[in-house]
PDB file of N, CA and C in Angstrom:
ATOM      1  N   MET A   1     226.073 185.694 151.552  1.00  0.00           N
ATOM      2  CA  MET A   1     226.149 184.953 152.795  1.00  0.00           C
ATOM      3  C   MET A   1     226.824 185.799 153.879  1.00  0.00           C
ATOM      4  N   ARG A   2     227.818 186.560 153.467  1.00  0.00           N
ATOM      5  CA  ARG A   2     228.512 187.413 154.426  1.00  0.00           C
ATOM      6  C   ARG A   2     227.543 188.393 155.086  1.00  0.00           C
ATOM      7  N   ASP A   3     226.640 188.970 154.275  1.00  0.00           N
ATOM      8  CA  ASP A   3     225.723 189.992 154.782  1.00  0.00           C
ATOM      9  C   ASP A   3     224.523 189.422 155.536  1.00  0.00           C
ATOM     10  N   ASN A   4     224.219 188.147 155.330  1.00  0.00           N
ATOM     11  CA  ASN A   4     223.057 187.513 155.975  1.00  0.00           C
ATOM     12  C   ASN A   4     223.443 186.162 156.561  1.00  0.00           C
ATOM     13  N   PHE A   5     224.548 186.128 157.246  1.00  0.00           N
ATOM     14  CA  PHE A   5     225.100 184.870 157.749  1.00  0.00           C
ATOM     15  C   PHE A   5     224.101 184.063 158.576  1.00  0.00           C
ATOM     16  N   SER A   6     223.288 184.739 159.350  1.00  0.00           N
ATOM     17  CA  SER A   6     222.343 184.022 160.223  1.00  0.00           C
ATOM     18  C   SER A   6     221.261 183.283 159.438  1.00  0.00           C
ATOM     19  N   ALA A   7     221.064 183.617 158.172  1.00  0.00           N
ATOM     20  CA  ALA A   7     220.057 182.939 157.345  1.00  0.00           C
ATOM     21  C   ALA A   7     220.543 181.586 156.835  1.00  0.00           C
ATOM     22  N   TYR A   8     221.830 181.319 156.993  1.00  0.00           N
ATOM     23  CA  TYR A   8     222.431 180.087 156.475  1.00  0.00           C
ATOM     24  C   TYR A   8     222.708 179.107 157.609  1.00  0.00           C
ATOM     25  N   PRO A   9     222.768 177.808 157.279  1.00  0.00           N
ATOM     26  CA  PRO A   9     222.909 176.789 158.327  1.00  0.00           C
ATOM     27  C   PRO A   9     224.333 176.583 158.853  1.00  0.00           C
ATOM     28  N   SER A  10     225.275 177.436 158.494  1.00  0.00           N
ATOM     29  CA  SER A  10     226.669 177.232 158.889  1.00  0.00           C
ATOM     30  C   SER A  10     226.876 177.192 160.392  1.00  0.00           C
ATOM     31  N   THR A  11     226.155 178.017 161.123  1.00  0.00           N
ATOM     32  CA  THR A  11     226.279 177.997 162.578  1.00  0.00           C
ATOM     33  C   THR A  11     225.676 176.717 163.138  1.00  0.00           C
ATOM     34  N   ARG A  12     224.475 176.398 162.694  1.00  0.00           N
ATOM     35  CA  ARG A  12     223.732 175.248 163.217  1.00  0.00           C
ATOM     36  C   ARG A  12     224.414 173.926 162.874  1.00  0.00           C
ATOM     37  N   ILE A  13     224.873 173.765 161.640  1.00  0.00           N
ATOM     38  CA  ILE A  13     225.428 172.480 161.212  1.00  0.00           C
ATOM     39  C   ILE A  13     226.912 172.350 161.533  1.00  0.00           C
ATOM     40  N   TRP A  14     227.686 173.410 161.235  1.00  0.00           N
ATOM     41  CA  TRP A  14     229.148 173.301 161.349  1.00  0.00           C
ATOM     42  C   TRP A  14     229.738 174.117 162.485  1.00  0.00           C
ATOM     43  N   GLY A  15     228.900 174.841 163.227  1.00  0.00           N
ATOM     44  CA  GLY A  15     229.381 175.596 164.377  1.00  0.00           C
ATOM     45  C   GLY A  15     230.242 176.801 164.032  1.00  0.00           C
ATOM     46  N   LEU A  16     230.068 177.351 162.832  1.00  0.00           N
ATOM     47  CA  LEU A  16     230.874 178.497 162.423  1.00  0.00           C
ATOM     48  C   LEU A  16     230.329 179.793 163.008  1.00  0.00           C
ATOM     49  N   THR A  17     231.206 180.777 163.149  1.00  0.00           N
ATOM     50  CA  THR A  17     230.794 182.093 163.621  1.00  0.00           C
ATOM     51  C   THR A  17     230.882 183.140 162.521  1.00  0.00           C
ATOM     52  N   LYS A  18     231.446 182.754 161.379  1.00  0.00           N
ATOM     53  CA  LYS A  18     231.534 183.635 160.216  1.00  0.00           C
ATOM     54  C   LYS A  18     231.677 182.755 158.975  1.00  0.00           C
ATOM     55  N   PRO A  19     231.388 183.293 157.806  1.00  0.00           N
ATOM     56  CA  PRO A  19     231.505 182.487 156.588  1.00  0.00           C
ATOM     57  C   PRO A  19     232.922 181.955 156.379  1.00  0.00           C
ATOM     58  N   ASP A  20     233.006 180.783 155.785  1.00  0.00           N
ATOM     59  CA  ASP A  20     234.284 180.163 155.440  1.00  0.00           C
ATOM     60  C   ASP A  20     234.390 180.139 153.918  1.00  0.00           C
ATOM     61  N   SER A  21     235.130 181.058 153.352  1.00  0.00           N
ATOM     62  CA  SER A  21     235.210 181.185 151.895  1.00  0.00           C
ATOM     63  C   SER A  21     235.884 179.992 151.235  1.00  0.00           C
ATOM     64  N   ASN A  22     236.528 179.127 151.996  1.00  0.00           N
ATOM     65  CA  ASN A  22     237.173 177.945 151.434  1.00  0.00           C
ATOM     66  C   ASN A  22     236.196 176.825 151.108  1.00  0.00           C
ATOM     67  N   ILE A  23     235.050 176.789 151.787  1.00  0.00           N
ATOM     68  CA  ILE A  23     234.162 175.638 151.635  1.00  0.00           C
ATOM     69  C   ILE A  23     232.687 176.004 151.513  1.00  0.00           C
ATOM     70  N   ASP A  24     232.250 177.121 152.073  1.00  0.00           N
ATOM     71  CA  ASP A  24     230.819 177.416 152.155  1.00  0.00           C
ATOM     72  C   ASP A  24     230.100 177.383 150.810  1.00  0.00           C
ATOM     73  N   HIS A  25     230.765 177.785 149.738  1.00  0.00           N
ATOM     74  CA  HIS A  25     230.123 177.793 148.416  1.00  0.00           C
ATOM     75  C   HIS A  25     229.899 176.388 147.875  1.00  0.00           C
ATOM     76  N   ARG A  26     230.465 175.375 148.511  1.00  0.00           N
ATOM     77  CA  ARG A  26     230.299 173.993 148.057  1.00  0.00           C
ATOM     78  C   ARG A  26     229.369 173.182 148.948  1.00  0.00           C
ATOM     79  N   ARG A  27     228.975 173.717 150.065  1.00  0.00           N
ATOM     80  CA  ARG A  27     228.129 172.968 150.995  1.00  0.00           C
ATOM     81  C   ARG A  27     226.684 172.996 150.507  1.00  0.00           C
ATOM     82  N   VAL A  28     226.123 171.813 150.308  1.00  0.00           N
ATOM     83  CA  VAL A  28     224.779 171.714 149.745  1.00  0.00           C
ATOM     84  C   VAL A  28     223.734 172.452 150.592  1.00  0.00           C
ATOM     85  N   PRO A  29     223.715 172.335 151.920  1.00  0.00           N
ATOM     86  CA  PRO A  29     222.704 173.081 152.684  1.00  0.00           C
ATOM     87  C   PRO A  29     222.808 174.598 152.478  1.00  0.00           C
ATOM     88  N   ASN A  30     224.016 175.120 152.330  1.00  0.00           N
ATOM     89  CA  ASN A  30     224.162 176.553 152.050  1.00  0.00           C
ATOM     90  C   ASN A  30     223.618 176.889 150.671  1.00  0.00           C
ATOM     91  N   LEU A  31     223.883 176.035 149.693  1.00  0.00           N
ATOM     92  CA  LEU A  31     223.366 176.261 148.345  1.00  0.00           C
ATOM     93  C   LEU A  31     221.839 176.200 148.333  1.00  0.00           C
ATOM     94  N   GLN A  32     221.278 175.255 149.057  1.00  0.00           N
ATOM     95  CA  GLN A  32     219.817 175.172 149.146  1.00  0.00           C
ATOM     96  C   GLN A  32     219.244 176.456 149.732  1.00  0.00           C
ATOM     97  N   THR A  33     219.865 176.965 150.768  1.00  0.00           N
ATOM     98  CA  THR A  33     219.405 178.207 151.378  1.00  0.00           C
ATOM     99  C   THR A  33     219.510 179.357 150.385  1.00  0.00           C
ATOM    100  N   PHE A  34     220.621 179.429 149.675  1.00  0.00           N
ATOM    101  CA  PHE A  34     220.796 180.479 148.670  1.00  0.00           C
ATOM    102  C   PHE A  34     219.699 180.419 147.616  1.00  0.00           C
ATOM    103  N   PHE A  35     219.450 179.235 147.071  1.00  0.00           N
ATOM    104  CA  PHE A  35     218.431 179.113 146.023  1.00  0.00           C
ATOM    105  C   PHE A  35     217.038 179.422 146.548  1.00  0.00           C
ATOM    106  N   LYS A  36     216.745 179.043 147.772  1.00  0.00           N
ATOM    107  CA  LYS A  36     215.448 179.379 148.367  1.00  0.00           C
ATOM    108  C   LYS A  36     215.300 180.890 148.499  1.00  0.00           C
ATOM    109  N   ARG A  37     216.392 181.563 148.868  1.00  0.00           N
ATOM    110  CA  ARG A  37     216.347 183.007 149.090  1.00  0.00           C
ATOM    111  C   ARG A  37     216.390 183.807 147.797  1.00  0.00           C
ATOM    112  N   HIS A  38     217.053 183.290 146.765  1.00  0.00           N
ATOM    113  CA  HIS A  38     217.304 184.097 145.574  1.00  0.00           C
ATOM    114  C   HIS A  38     216.767 183.511 144.275  1.00  0.00           C
ATOM    115  N   GLY A  39     216.434 182.277 144.262  1.00  0.00           N
ATOM    116  CA  GLY A  39     215.971 181.652 143.034  1.00  0.00           C
ATOM    117  C   GLY A  39     214.509 181.317 143.119  1.00  0.00           C
ATOM    118  N   THR A  40     214.143 180.369 142.343  1.00  0.00           N
ATOM    119  CA  THR A  40     212.763 179.909 142.363  1.00  0.00           C
ATOM    120  C   THR A  40     212.752 178.477 142.845  1.00  0.00           C
ATOM    121  N   MET A  41     212.114 178.254 143.967  1.00  0.00           N
ATOM    122  CA  MET A  41     211.966 176.919 144.498  1.00  0.00           C
ATOM    123  C   MET A  41     210.777 176.276 143.798  1.00  0.00           C
ATOM    124  N   LEU A  42     210.973 175.096 143.265  1.00  0.00           N
ATOM    125  CA  LEU A  42     209.925 174.394 142.527  1.00  0.00           C
ATOM    126  C   LEU A  42     209.456 173.174 143.306  1.00  0.00           C
ATOM    127  N   PRO A  43     208.271 172.671 142.993  1.00  0.00           N
ATOM    128  CA  PRO A  43     207.782 171.479 143.683  1.00  0.00           C
ATOM    129  C   PRO A  43     208.667 170.265 143.393  1.00  0.00           C
ATOM    130  N   ILE A  44     208.774 169.415 144.371  1.00  0.00           N
ATOM    131  CA  ILE A  44     209.441 168.121 144.199  1.00  0.00           C
ATOM    132  C   ILE A  44     208.366 167.149 143.747  1.00  0.00           C
ATOM    133  N   THR A  45     208.586 166.513 142.605  1.00  0.00           N
ATOM    134  CA  THR A  45     207.609 165.556 142.094  1.00  0.00           C
ATOM    135  C   THR A  45     208.314 164.289 141.647  1.00  0.00           C
ATOM    136  N   ASN A  46     207.519 163.281 141.340  1.00  0.00           N
ATOM    137  CA  ASN A  46     208.038 162.050 140.736  1.00  0.00           C
ATOM    138  C   ASN A  46     207.768 162.044 139.237  1.00  0.00           C
ATOM    139  N   ASN A  47     207.429 163.200 138.680  1.00  0.00           N
ATOM    140  CA  ASN A  47     207.123 163.344 137.267  1.00  0.00           C
ATOM    141  C   ASN A  47     208.342 163.928 136.556  1.00  0.00           C
ATOM    142  N   ALA A  48     208.975 163.138 135.712  1.00  0.00           N
ATOM    143  CA  ALA A  48     210.191 163.560 135.023  1.00  0.00           C
ATOM    144  C   ALA A  48     209.980 164.812 134.186  1.00  0.00           C
ATOM    145  N   ASP A  49     208.761 165.037 133.691  1.00  0.00           N
ATOM    146  CA  ASP A  49     208.473 166.200 132.848  1.00  0.00           C
ATOM    147  C   ASP A  49     208.638 167.531 133.576  1.00  0.00           C
ATOM    148  N   THR A  50     208.610 167.517 134.906  1.00  0.00           N
ATOM    149  CA  THR A  50     208.714 168.771 135.650  1.00  0.00           C
ATOM    150  C   THR A  50     210.155 169.229 135.826  1.00  0.00           C
ATOM    151  N   TYR A  51     211.110 168.384 135.458  1.00  0.00           N
ATOM    152  CA  TYR A  51     212.526 168.711 135.604  1.00  0.00           C
ATOM    153  C   TYR A  51     213.085 169.101 134.242  1.00  0.00           C
ATOM    154  N   LYS A  52     213.546 170.352 134.119  1.00  0.00           N
ATOM    155  CA  LYS A  52     214.017 170.905 132.852  1.00  0.00           C
ATOM    156  C   LYS A  52     215.526 171.130 132.889  1.00  0.00           C
ATOM    157  N   ALA A  53     216.142 171.111 131.711  1.00  0.00           N
ATOM    158  CA  ALA A  53     217.578 171.363 131.612  1.00  0.00           C
ATOM    159  C   ALA A  53     217.920 172.672 132.310  1.00  0.00           C
ATOM    160  N   GLY A  54     218.929 172.634 133.134  1.00  0.00           N
ATOM    161  CA  GLY A  54     219.351 173.801 133.905  1.00  0.00           C
ATOM    162  C   GLY A  54     218.817 173.817 135.320  1.00  0.00           C
ATOM    163  N   ASP A  55     217.780 173.031 135.602  1.00  0.00           N
ATOM    164  CA  ASP A  55     217.267 172.956 136.970  1.00  0.00           C
ATOM    165  C   ASP A  55     218.333 172.361 137.879  1.00  0.00           C
ATOM    166  N   ILE A  56     218.288 172.768 139.127  1.00  0.00           N
ATOM    167  CA  ILE A  56     219.196 172.251 140.141  1.00  0.00           C
ATOM    168  C   ILE A  56     218.377 171.375 141.069  1.00  0.00           C
ATOM    169  N   VAL A  57     218.918 170.202 141.353  1.00  0.00           N
ATOM    170  CA  VAL A  57     218.225 169.240 142.214  1.00  0.00           C
ATOM    171  C   VAL A  57     219.162 168.862 143.352  1.00  0.00           C
ATOM    172  N   THR A  58     218.603 168.737 144.550  1.00  0.00           N
ATOM    173  CA  THR A  58     219.380 168.247 145.688  1.00  0.00           C
ATOM    174  C   THR A  58     218.744 166.965 146.205  1.00  0.00           C
ATOM    175  N   TRP A  59     219.578 166.118 146.772  1.00  0.00           N
ATOM    176  CA  TRP A  59     219.145 164.826 147.309  1.00  0.00           C
ATOM    177  C   TRP A  59     219.766 164.616 148.678  1.00  0.00           C
ATOM    178  N   MET A  60     219.226 163.644 149.393  1.00  0.00           N
ATOM    179  CA  MET A  60     219.857 163.133 150.594  1.00  0.00           C
ATOM    180  C   MET A  60     220.275 161.703 150.267  1.00  0.00           C
ATOM    181  N   LEU A  61     221.572 161.490 150.227  1.00  0.00           N
ATOM    182  CA  LEU A  61     222.106 160.163 149.936  1.00  0.00           C
ATOM    183  C   LEU A  61     222.100 159.316 151.201  1.00  0.00           C
ATOM    184  N   PRO A  62     222.229 158.005 151.045  1.00  0.00           N
ATOM    185  CA  PRO A  62     222.335 157.146 152.229  1.00  0.00           C
ATOM    186  C   PRO A  62     223.452 157.643 153.149  1.00  0.00           C
ATOM    187  N   GLY A  63     223.203 157.578 154.431  1.00  0.00           N
ATOM    188  CA  GLY A  63     224.159 158.077 155.411  1.00  0.00           C
ATOM    189  C   GLY A  63     223.974 159.559 155.701  1.00  0.00           C
ATOM    190  N   ASN A  64     222.821 160.112 155.287  1.00  0.00           N
ATOM    191  CA  ASN A  64     222.499 161.536 155.491  1.00  0.00           C
ATOM    192  C   ASN A  64     223.526 162.461 154.860  1.00  0.00           C
ATOM    193  N   LEU A  65     223.909 162.162 153.627  1.00  0.00           N
ATOM    194  CA  LEU A  65     224.858 162.985 152.896  1.00  0.00           C
ATOM    195  C   LEU A  65     224.123 163.824 151.857  1.00  0.00           C
ATOM    196  N   PRO A  66     224.090 165.145 152.022  1.00  0.00           N
ATOM    197  CA  PRO A  66     223.440 165.990 151.033  1.00  0.00           C
ATOM    198  C   PRO A  66     224.237 165.998 149.733  1.00  0.00           C
ATOM    199  N   HIS A  67     223.524 166.074 148.614  1.00  0.00           N
ATOM    200  CA  HIS A  67     224.148 166.005 147.290  1.00  0.00           C
ATOM    201  C   HIS A  67     223.412 166.950 146.353  1.00  0.00           C
ATOM    202  N   ILE A  68     224.092 167.391 145.279  1.00  0.00           N
ATOM    203  CA  ILE A  68     223.509 168.352 144.350  1.00  0.00           C
ATOM    204  C   ILE A  68     223.898 167.995 142.924  1.00  0.00           C
ATOM    205  N   GLY A  69     223.021 168.307 141.973  1.00  0.00           N
ATOM    206  CA  GLY A  69     223.311 168.075 140.567  1.00  0.00           C
ATOM    207  C   GLY A  69     222.490 169.006 139.693  1.00  0.00           C
ATOM    208  N   ILE A  70     222.814 168.997 138.405  1.00  0.00           N
ATOM    209  CA  ILE A  70     222.134 169.849 137.436  1.00  0.00           C
ATOM    210  C   ILE A  70     221.482 168.971 136.377  1.00  0.00           C
ATOM    211  N   VAL A  71     220.225 169.259 136.074  1.00  0.00           N
ATOM    212  CA  VAL A  71     219.490 168.550 135.032  1.00  0.00           C
ATOM    213  C   VAL A  71     220.052 168.986 133.670  1.00  0.00           C
ATOM    214  N   VAL A  72     220.270 168.021 132.772  1.00  0.00           N
ATOM    215  CA  VAL A  72     220.771 168.337 131.433  1.00  0.00           C
ATOM    216  C   VAL A  72     219.731 167.963 130.379  1.00  0.00           C
ATOM    217  N   ASP A  73     220.032 168.302 129.130  1.00  0.00           N
ATOM    218  CA  ASP A  73     219.054 168.134 128.053  1.00  0.00           C
ATOM    219  C   ASP A  73     219.205 166.824 127.292  1.00  0.00           C
ATOM    220  N   THR A  74     219.778 165.820 127.928  1.00  0.00           N
ATOM    221  CA  THR A  74     219.803 164.474 127.361  1.00  0.00           C
ATOM    222  C   THR A  74     219.044 163.565 128.312  1.00  0.00           C
ATOM    223  N   TYR A  75     218.606 162.416 127.779  1.00  0.00           N
ATOM    224  CA  TYR A  75     217.666 161.583 128.533  1.00  0.00           C
ATOM    225  C   TYR A  75     218.187 160.166 128.736  1.00  0.00           C
ATOM    226  N   ALA A  76     217.627 159.532 129.750  1.00  0.00           N
ATOM    227  CA  ALA A  76     217.919 158.135 130.049  1.00  0.00           C
ATOM    228  C   ALA A  76     217.357 157.259 128.934  1.00  0.00           C
ATOM    229  N   VAL A  77     217.637 155.973 129.003  1.00  0.00           N
ATOM    230  CA  VAL A  77     217.179 155.048 127.965  1.00  0.00           C
ATOM    231  C   VAL A  77     215.659 155.028 127.824  1.00  0.00           C
ATOM    232  N   ASP A  78     214.924 155.436 128.854  1.00  0.00           N
ATOM    233  CA  ASP A  78     213.460 155.494 128.740  1.00  0.00           C
ATOM    234  C   ASP A  78     212.998 156.683 127.892  1.00  0.00           C
ATOM    235  N   ASN A  79     213.948 157.554 127.526  1.00  0.00           N
ATOM    236  CA  ASN A  79     213.690 158.739 126.712  1.00  0.00           C
ATOM    237  C   ASN A  79     212.708 159.711 127.387  1.00  0.00           C
ATOM    238  N   LYS A  80     212.546 159.605 128.702  1.00  0.00           N
ATOM    239  CA  LYS A  80     211.642 160.465 129.459  1.00  0.00           C
ATOM    240  C   LYS A  80     212.350 161.155 130.627  1.00  0.00           C
ATOM    241  N   THR A  81     213.253 160.441 131.277  1.00  0.00           N
ATOM    242  CA  THR A  81     213.913 160.959 132.470  1.00  0.00           C
ATOM    243  C   THR A  81     215.192 161.691 132.088  1.00  0.00           C
ATOM    244  N   PRO A  82     215.274 162.997 132.415  1.00  0.00           N
ATOM    245  CA  PRO A  82     216.498 163.722 132.079  1.00  0.00           C
ATOM    246  C   PRO A  82     217.678 163.237 132.911  1.00  0.00           C
ATOM    247  N   LEU A  83     218.833 163.264 132.291  1.00  0.00           N
ATOM    248  CA  LEU A  83     220.053 162.891 132.993  1.00  0.00           C
ATOM    249  C   LEU A  83     220.500 164.048 133.886  1.00  0.00           C
ATOM    250  N   ILE A  84     221.381 163.724 134.814  1.00  0.00           N
ATOM    251  CA  ILE A  84     221.909 164.679 135.787  1.00  0.00           C
ATOM    252  C   ILE A  84     223.425 164.715 135.659  1.00  0.00           C
ATOM    253  N   VAL A  85     223.997 165.914 135.682  1.00  0.00           N
ATOM    254  CA  VAL A  85     225.443 166.060 135.810  1.00  0.00           C
ATOM    255  C   VAL A  85     225.709 166.333 137.281  1.00  0.00           C
ATOM    256  N   HIS A  86     226.588 165.515 137.854  1.00  0.00           N
ATOM    257  CA  HIS A  86     226.926 165.655 139.267  1.00  0.00           C
ATOM    258  C   HIS A  86     228.314 165.095 139.492  1.00  0.00           C
ATOM    259  N   ASN A  87     228.872 165.379 140.660  1.00  0.00           N
ATOM    260  CA  ASN A  87     230.180 164.845 141.036  1.00  0.00           C
ATOM    261  C   ASN A  87     230.002 164.121 142.353  1.00  0.00           C
ATOM    262  N   ILE A  88     230.093 162.820 142.273  1.00  0.00           N
ATOM    263  CA  ILE A  88     229.892 162.020 143.476  1.00  0.00           C
ATOM    264  C   ILE A  88     231.197 161.347 143.895  1.00  0.00           C
ATOM    265  N   GLY A  89     232.322 161.994 143.536  1.00  0.00           N
ATOM    266  CA  GLY A  89     233.620 161.511 143.971  1.00  0.00           C
ATOM    267  C   GLY A  89     234.518 161.034 142.852  1.00  0.00           C
ATOM    268  N   ALA A  90     233.987 160.825 141.663  1.00  0.00           N
ATOM    269  CA  ALA A  90     234.790 160.328 140.536  1.00  0.00           C
ATOM    270  C   ALA A  90     234.878 161.392 139.434  1.00  0.00           C
ATOM    271  N   GLY A  91     234.731 162.651 139.818  1.00  0.00           N
ATOM    272  CA  GLY A  91     234.685 163.716 138.827  1.00  0.00           C
ATOM    273  C   GLY A  91     233.278 163.860 138.286  1.00  0.00           C
ATOM    274  N   SER A  92     233.098 164.841 137.424  1.00  0.00           N
ATOM    275  CA  SER A  92     231.766 165.094 136.863  1.00  0.00           C
ATOM    276  C   SER A  92     231.299 163.910 136.034  1.00  0.00           C
ATOM    277  N   GLN A  93     230.051 163.520 136.277  1.00  0.00           N
ATOM    278  CA  GLN A  93     229.439 162.400 135.565  1.00  0.00           C
ATOM    279  C   GLN A  93     228.058 162.825 135.079  1.00  0.00           C
ATOM    280  N   ARG A  94     227.648 162.300 133.947  1.00  0.00           N
ATOM    281  CA  ARG A  94     226.276 162.487 133.446  1.00  0.00           C
ATOM    282  C   ARG A  94     225.600 161.138 133.589  1.00  0.00           C
ATOM    283  N   GLU A  95     224.587 161.070 134.470  1.00  0.00           N
ATOM    284  CA  GLU A  95     223.985 159.780 134.814  1.00  0.00           C
ATOM    285  C   GLU A  95     222.481 159.889 135.010  1.00  0.00           C
ATOM    286  N   ASP A  96     221.846 158.736 134.988  1.00  0.00           N
ATOM    287  CA  ASP A  96     220.417 158.600 135.264  1.00  0.00           C
ATOM    288  C   ASP A  96     220.235 158.408 136.769  1.00  0.00           C
ATOM    289  N   VAL A  97     220.270 159.523 137.512  1.00  0.00           N
ATOM    290  CA  VAL A  97     220.155 159.440 138.970  1.00  0.00           C
ATOM    291  C   VAL A  97     219.042 160.316 139.541  1.00  0.00           C
ATOM    292  N   LEU A  98     218.236 160.936 138.681  1.00  0.00           N
ATOM    293  CA  LEU A  98     217.231 161.876 139.167  1.00  0.00           C
ATOM    294  C   LEU A  98     216.372 161.276 140.270  1.00  0.00           C
ATOM    295  N   PHE A  99     215.890 160.070 140.076  1.00  0.00           N
ATOM    296  CA  PHE A  99     214.992 159.458 141.059  1.00  0.00           C
ATOM    297  C   PHE A  99     215.661 158.345 141.871  1.00  0.00           C
ATOM    298  N   ARG A 100     216.978 158.281 141.837  1.00  0.00           N
ATOM    299  CA  ARG A 100     217.697 157.225 142.566  1.00  0.00           C
ATOM    300  C   ARG A 100     217.712 157.471 144.074  1.00  0.00           C
ATOM    301  N   TYR A 101     217.738 158.739 144.463  1.00  0.00           N
ATOM    302  CA  TYR A 101     217.816 159.105 145.882  1.00  0.00           C
ATOM    303  C   TYR A 101     216.628 159.992 146.246  1.00  0.00           C
ATOM    304  N   LYS A 102     216.442 160.216 147.531  1.00  0.00           N
ATOM    305  CA  LYS A 102     215.357 161.083 147.991  1.00  0.00           C
ATOM    306  C   LYS A 102     215.675 162.532 147.607  1.00  0.00           C
ATOM    307  N   ILE A 103     214.804 163.127 146.789  1.00  0.00           N
ATOM    308  CA  ILE A 103     214.977 164.517 146.373  1.00  0.00           C
ATOM    309  C   ILE A 103     214.578 165.434 147.527  1.00  0.00           C
ATOM    310  N   THR A 104     215.464 166.395 147.833  1.00  0.00           N
ATOM    311  CA  THR A 104     215.202 167.331 148.928  1.00  0.00           C
ATOM    312  C   THR A 104     215.024 168.764 148.444  1.00  0.00           C
ATOM    313  N   GLY A 105     215.277 169.019 147.169  1.00  0.00           N
ATOM    314  CA  GLY A 105     215.107 170.367 146.633  1.00  0.00           C
ATOM    315  C   GLY A 105     215.086 170.379 145.117  1.00  0.00           C
ATOM    316  N   HIS A 106     214.327 171.304 144.554  1.00  0.00           N
ATOM    317  CA  HIS A 106     214.228 171.468 143.100  1.00  0.00           C
ATOM    318  C   HIS A 106     214.175 172.977 142.868  1.00  0.00           C
ATOM    319  N   TYR A 107     215.157 173.496 142.115  1.00  0.00           N
ATOM    320  CA  TYR A 107     215.306 174.936 141.964  1.00  0.00           C
ATOM    321  C   TYR A 107     215.533 175.285 140.492  1.00  0.00           C
ATOM    322  N   ARG A 108     215.053 176.448 140.111  1.00  0.00           N
ATOM    323  CA  ARG A 108     215.322 176.991 138.767  1.00  0.00           C
ATOM    324  C   ARG A 108     215.803 178.413 138.993  1.00  0.00           C
ATOM    325  N   TYR A 109     217.116 178.611 138.897  1.00  0.00           N
ATOM    326  CA  TYR A 109     217.716 179.903 139.217  1.00  0.00           C
ATOM    327  C   TYR A 109     217.918 180.723 137.961  1.00  0.00           C
TER     328      TYR A 109
END
């Protein structure tokens, strides 16, 4: 990010003029940009089979709050939808949230 600062949304969203090492690595839009630039961006689908353990998924939560989680190798009660490990304010949780919110990114890094 330091070497390609203009490729990241920090200026546009947060008005920064240089990277902020205290927070930039946790900002979902920056992570999305990183994965687009360095990983493999995958299609967003409503098919649970396309999401594999280790995949990274981003969502837009109500109130326009970007969110991120990791697909794990355990499944919801339907035995089809993989669970997600994410932190939504109560510490890390493993939950059935893959299709709960609008998916904005699907990455396999």
